[in-house]
Amino acid sequence: MQDASASPMSSEATPASADSNGSDASESVVSTHVLVPIEQVHKLRELARRTRIHQSEYLREAVEDLLAKYGRPTTGGTP
């Protein structure tokens, strides 16, 4: 359930330009590891296959939605 371009154990930032989702090249991305129930993994894989949108893009969108829901800004400022 991870991008093939990122090591699952890497904590080093990677330029977003290496990401194929069209992110702003000035951003940096970091690989992270999460445990997800297998049924959700299957559903996410199927959604990604059907829509041709990377799983990682859906996961980033989910994080944005959660941060917006709980009032945490995602850009600028400190946590």
N, C-alpha and C. Protein backbone atom coordinates (compact mmCIF):
# COMPACT_ATOMS: atom_id res chain seq x y z
N MET A 1 0.80 -1.17 0.00
CA MET A 1 0.00 0.00 0.00
C MET A 1 0.86 1.25 0.00
N GLN A 2 2.05 1.15 -0.44
CA GLN A 2 2.94 2.28 -0.46
C GLN A 2 3.36 2.57 -1.87
N ASP A 3 3.83 3.78 -2.10
CA ASP A 3 4.39 4.12 -3.39
C ASP A 3 5.66 3.32 -3.60
N ALA A 4 5.86 2.84 -4.81
CA ALA A 4 7.07 2.09 -5.11
C ALA A 4 8.30 2.96 -5.05
N SER A 5 8.13 4.29 -5.19
CA SER A 5 9.28 5.19 -5.22
C SER A 5 9.82 5.53 -3.84
N ALA A 6 9.11 5.14 -2.78
CA ALA A 6 9.54 5.51 -1.43
C ALA A 6 9.75 4.27 -0.58
N SER A 7 10.81 4.28 0.16
CA SER A 7 11.07 3.19 1.08
C SER A 7 10.11 3.29 2.25
N PRO A 8 9.51 2.19 2.68
CA PRO A 8 8.55 2.27 3.78
C PRO A 8 9.19 2.67 5.11
N MET A 9 10.49 2.52 5.24
CA MET A 9 11.16 2.83 6.49
C MET A 9 11.94 4.13 6.42
N SER A 10 11.93 4.79 5.28
CA SER A 10 12.69 6.01 5.10
C SER A 10 12.07 7.17 5.86
N SER A 11 12.89 7.97 6.52
CA SER A 11 12.39 9.16 7.18
C SER A 11 12.95 10.41 6.51
N GLU A 12 13.66 10.22 5.42
CA GLU A 12 14.24 11.36 4.72
C GLU A 12 13.19 12.00 3.83
N ALA A 13 13.23 13.32 3.75
CA ALA A 13 12.33 14.04 2.87
C ALA A 13 12.76 13.82 1.43
N THR A 14 11.79 13.71 0.55
CA THR A 14 12.03 13.53 -0.87
C THR A 14 11.38 14.68 -1.60
N PRO A 15 12.04 15.27 -2.58
CA PRO A 15 11.40 16.37 -3.30
C PRO A 15 10.10 15.91 -3.94
N ALA A 16 9.08 16.75 -3.87
CA ALA A 16 7.78 16.39 -4.42
C ALA A 16 7.86 16.21 -5.93
N SER A 17 8.84 16.82 -6.58
CA SER A 17 8.96 16.67 -8.03
C SER A 17 9.20 15.21 -8.40
N ALA A 18 9.68 14.39 -7.45
CA ALA A 18 9.87 12.97 -7.71
C ALA A 18 8.55 12.23 -7.61
N ASP A 19 7.52 12.87 -7.07
CA ASP A 19 6.20 12.28 -6.93
C ASP A 19 5.43 12.54 -8.21
N SER A 20 4.70 11.55 -8.68
CA SER A 20 4.01 11.66 -9.96
C SER A 20 2.61 12.22 -9.83
N ASN A 21 2.24 12.79 -8.69
CA ASN A 21 0.87 13.27 -8.53
C ASN A 21 0.69 14.73 -8.91
N GLY A 22 1.73 15.40 -9.38
CA GLY A 22 1.61 16.78 -9.81
C GLY A 22 1.70 17.77 -8.68
N SER A 23 2.25 17.40 -7.53
CA SER A 23 2.38 18.32 -6.41
C SER A 23 3.34 19.44 -6.76
N ASP A 24 3.21 20.53 -6.04
CA ASP A 24 4.11 21.66 -6.19
C ASP A 24 5.54 21.20 -5.90
N ALA A 25 6.47 21.53 -6.78
CA ALA A 25 7.85 21.08 -6.64
C ALA A 25 8.53 21.66 -5.41
N SER A 26 7.98 22.73 -4.80
CA SER A 26 8.61 23.32 -3.62
C SER A 26 8.28 22.55 -2.35
N GLU A 27 7.29 21.65 -2.40
CA GLU A 27 6.92 20.84 -1.23
C GLU A 27 7.91 19.70 -1.06
N SER A 28 7.99 19.18 0.15
CA SER A 28 8.74 17.96 0.41
C SER A 28 7.75 16.94 0.94
N VAL A 29 8.02 15.69 0.65
CA VAL A 29 7.18 14.63 1.16
C VAL A 29 8.03 13.69 1.99
N VAL A 30 7.42 13.04 2.96
CA VAL A 30 8.11 12.12 3.85
C VAL A 30 7.33 10.81 3.84
N SER A 31 8.04 9.73 3.78
CA SER A 31 7.42 8.42 3.85
C SER A 31 7.04 8.13 5.30
N THR A 32 5.87 7.52 5.48
CA THR A 32 5.43 7.13 6.81
C THR A 32 4.83 5.74 6.73
N HIS A 33 4.65 5.12 7.86
CA HIS A 33 4.16 3.75 7.92
C HIS A 33 2.93 3.71 8.81
N VAL A 34 1.85 3.15 8.30
CA VAL A 34 0.64 3.00 9.10
C VAL A 34 0.10 1.59 8.92
N LEU A 35 -0.60 1.10 9.93
CA LEU A 35 -1.25 -0.19 9.85
C LEU A 35 -2.71 0.04 9.52
N VAL A 36 -3.19 -0.64 8.49
CA VAL A 36 -4.55 -0.46 8.00
C VAL A 36 -5.22 -1.83 7.93
N PRO A 37 -6.47 -1.93 8.36
CA PRO A 37 -7.17 -3.23 8.26
C PRO A 37 -7.19 -3.73 6.81
N ILE A 38 -7.01 -5.01 6.64
CA ILE A 38 -6.88 -5.61 5.31
C ILE A 38 -8.07 -5.31 4.41
N GLU A 39 -9.26 -5.28 4.97
CA GLU A 39 -10.45 -4.98 4.16
C GLU A 39 -10.37 -3.57 3.57
N GLN A 40 -9.86 -2.62 4.35
CA GLN A 40 -9.69 -1.26 3.83
C GLN A 40 -8.62 -1.21 2.74
N VAL A 41 -7.59 -2.00 2.92
CA VAL A 41 -6.52 -2.07 1.91
C VAL A 41 -7.10 -2.58 0.60
N HIS A 42 -7.89 -3.64 0.66
CA HIS A 42 -8.49 -4.20 -0.56
C HIS A 42 -9.40 -3.18 -1.24
N LYS A 43 -10.21 -2.48 -0.45
CA LYS A 43 -11.11 -1.48 -1.01
C LYS A 43 -10.35 -0.31 -1.62
N LEU A 44 -9.29 0.14 -0.95
CA LEU A 44 -8.49 1.24 -1.48
C LEU A 44 -7.79 0.84 -2.77
N ARG A 45 -7.23 -0.36 -2.80
CA ARG A 45 -6.58 -0.85 -4.02
C ARG A 45 -7.56 -0.92 -5.18
N GLU A 46 -8.75 -1.42 -4.92
CA GLU A 46 -9.76 -1.52 -5.97
C GLU A 46 -10.18 -0.13 -6.46
N LEU A 47 -10.38 0.80 -5.53
CA LEU A 47 -10.72 2.17 -5.91
C LEU A 47 -9.62 2.78 -6.78
N ALA A 48 -8.39 2.62 -6.36
CA ALA A 48 -7.25 3.16 -7.12
C ALA A 48 -7.16 2.52 -8.50
N ARG A 49 -7.38 1.22 -8.57
CA ARG A 49 -7.33 0.53 -9.87
C ARG A 49 -8.44 1.04 -10.79
N ARG A 50 -9.63 1.14 -10.24
CA ARG A 50 -10.79 1.54 -11.02
C ARG A 50 -10.69 2.99 -11.50
N THR A 51 -10.18 3.87 -10.67
CA THR A 51 -10.13 5.30 -11.01
C THR A 51 -8.80 5.74 -11.60
N ARG A 52 -7.80 4.87 -11.52
CA ARG A 52 -6.45 5.19 -12.00
C ARG A 52 -5.83 6.37 -11.24
N ILE A 53 -6.21 6.49 -9.98
CA ILE A 53 -5.62 7.49 -9.09
C ILE A 53 -4.82 6.74 -8.04
N HIS A 54 -3.60 7.14 -7.81
CA HIS A 54 -2.72 6.44 -6.89
C HIS A 54 -3.30 6.38 -5.48
N GLN A 55 -3.06 5.26 -4.82
CA GLN A 55 -3.49 5.11 -3.43
C GLN A 55 -2.92 6.23 -2.57
N SER A 56 -1.69 6.59 -2.82
CA SER A 56 -1.04 7.64 -2.03
C SER A 56 -1.79 8.96 -2.15
N GLU A 57 -2.33 9.25 -3.33
CA GLU A 57 -3.09 10.48 -3.51
C GLU A 57 -4.36 10.45 -2.66
N TYR A 58 -5.04 9.33 -2.63
CA TYR A 58 -6.23 9.19 -1.79
C TYR A 58 -5.88 9.33 -0.31
N LEU A 59 -4.76 8.76 0.10
CA LEU A 59 -4.36 8.85 1.51
C LEU A 59 -3.99 10.28 1.89
N ARG A 60 -3.30 10.99 1.00
CA ARG A 60 -2.99 12.40 1.28
C ARG A 60 -4.28 13.22 1.39
N GLU A 61 -5.25 12.93 0.51
CA GLU A 61 -6.53 13.62 0.57
C GLU A 61 -7.24 13.34 1.90
N ALA A 62 -7.18 12.09 2.35
CA ALA A 62 -7.82 11.73 3.63
C ALA A 62 -7.16 12.47 4.79
N VAL A 63 -5.85 12.61 4.77
CA VAL A 63 -5.15 13.33 5.83
C VAL A 63 -5.57 14.80 5.80
N GLU A 64 -5.63 15.40 4.61
CA GLU A 64 -6.08 16.79 4.49
C GLU A 64 -7.48 16.96 5.07
N ASP A 65 -8.38 16.04 4.74
CA ASP A 65 -9.76 16.11 5.25
C ASP A 65 -9.80 16.01 6.77
N LEU A 66 -9.01 15.11 7.34
CA LEU A 66 -8.98 14.96 8.80
C LEU A 66 -8.41 16.20 9.48
N LEU A 67 -7.36 16.75 8.92
CA LEU A 67 -6.76 17.94 9.50
C LEU A 67 -7.72 19.13 9.40
N ALA A 68 -8.44 19.23 8.31
CA ALA A 68 -9.44 20.30 8.17
C ALA A 68 -10.58 20.09 9.17
N LYS A 69 -10.99 18.87 9.35
CA LYS A 69 -12.09 18.55 10.27
C LYS A 69 -11.74 18.93 11.71
N TYR A 70 -10.52 18.70 12.10
CA TYR A 70 -10.11 18.96 13.48
C TYR A 70 -9.40 20.30 13.64
N GLY A 71 -9.48 21.17 12.64
CA GLY A 71 -8.99 22.53 12.75
C GLY A 71 -7.50 22.70 12.75
N ARG A 72 -6.79 21.79 12.16
CA ARG A 72 -5.33 21.90 12.09
C ARG A 72 -4.92 22.36 10.70
N PRO A 73 -4.23 23.49 10.61
CA PRO A 73 -3.75 23.92 9.28
C PRO A 73 -2.71 22.94 8.75
N THR A 74 -2.71 22.73 7.43
CA THR A 74 -1.78 21.77 6.83
C THR A 74 -0.58 22.43 6.18
N THR A 75 -0.63 23.75 5.98
CA THR A 75 0.50 24.43 5.39
C THR A 75 0.84 25.65 6.23
N GLY A 76 2.12 25.93 6.32
CA GLY A 76 2.57 27.09 7.08
C GLY A 76 2.34 26.90 8.57
N GLY A 77 2.97 27.69 9.35
CA GLY A 77 2.78 27.62 10.80
C GLY A 77 3.34 26.36 11.42
N THR A 78 3.18 26.25 12.72
CA THR A 78 3.69 25.08 13.43
C THR A 78 2.51 24.32 14.03
N PRO A 79 2.66 23.03 14.26
CA PRO A 79 1.56 22.24 14.79
C PRO A 79 1.17 22.62 16.20
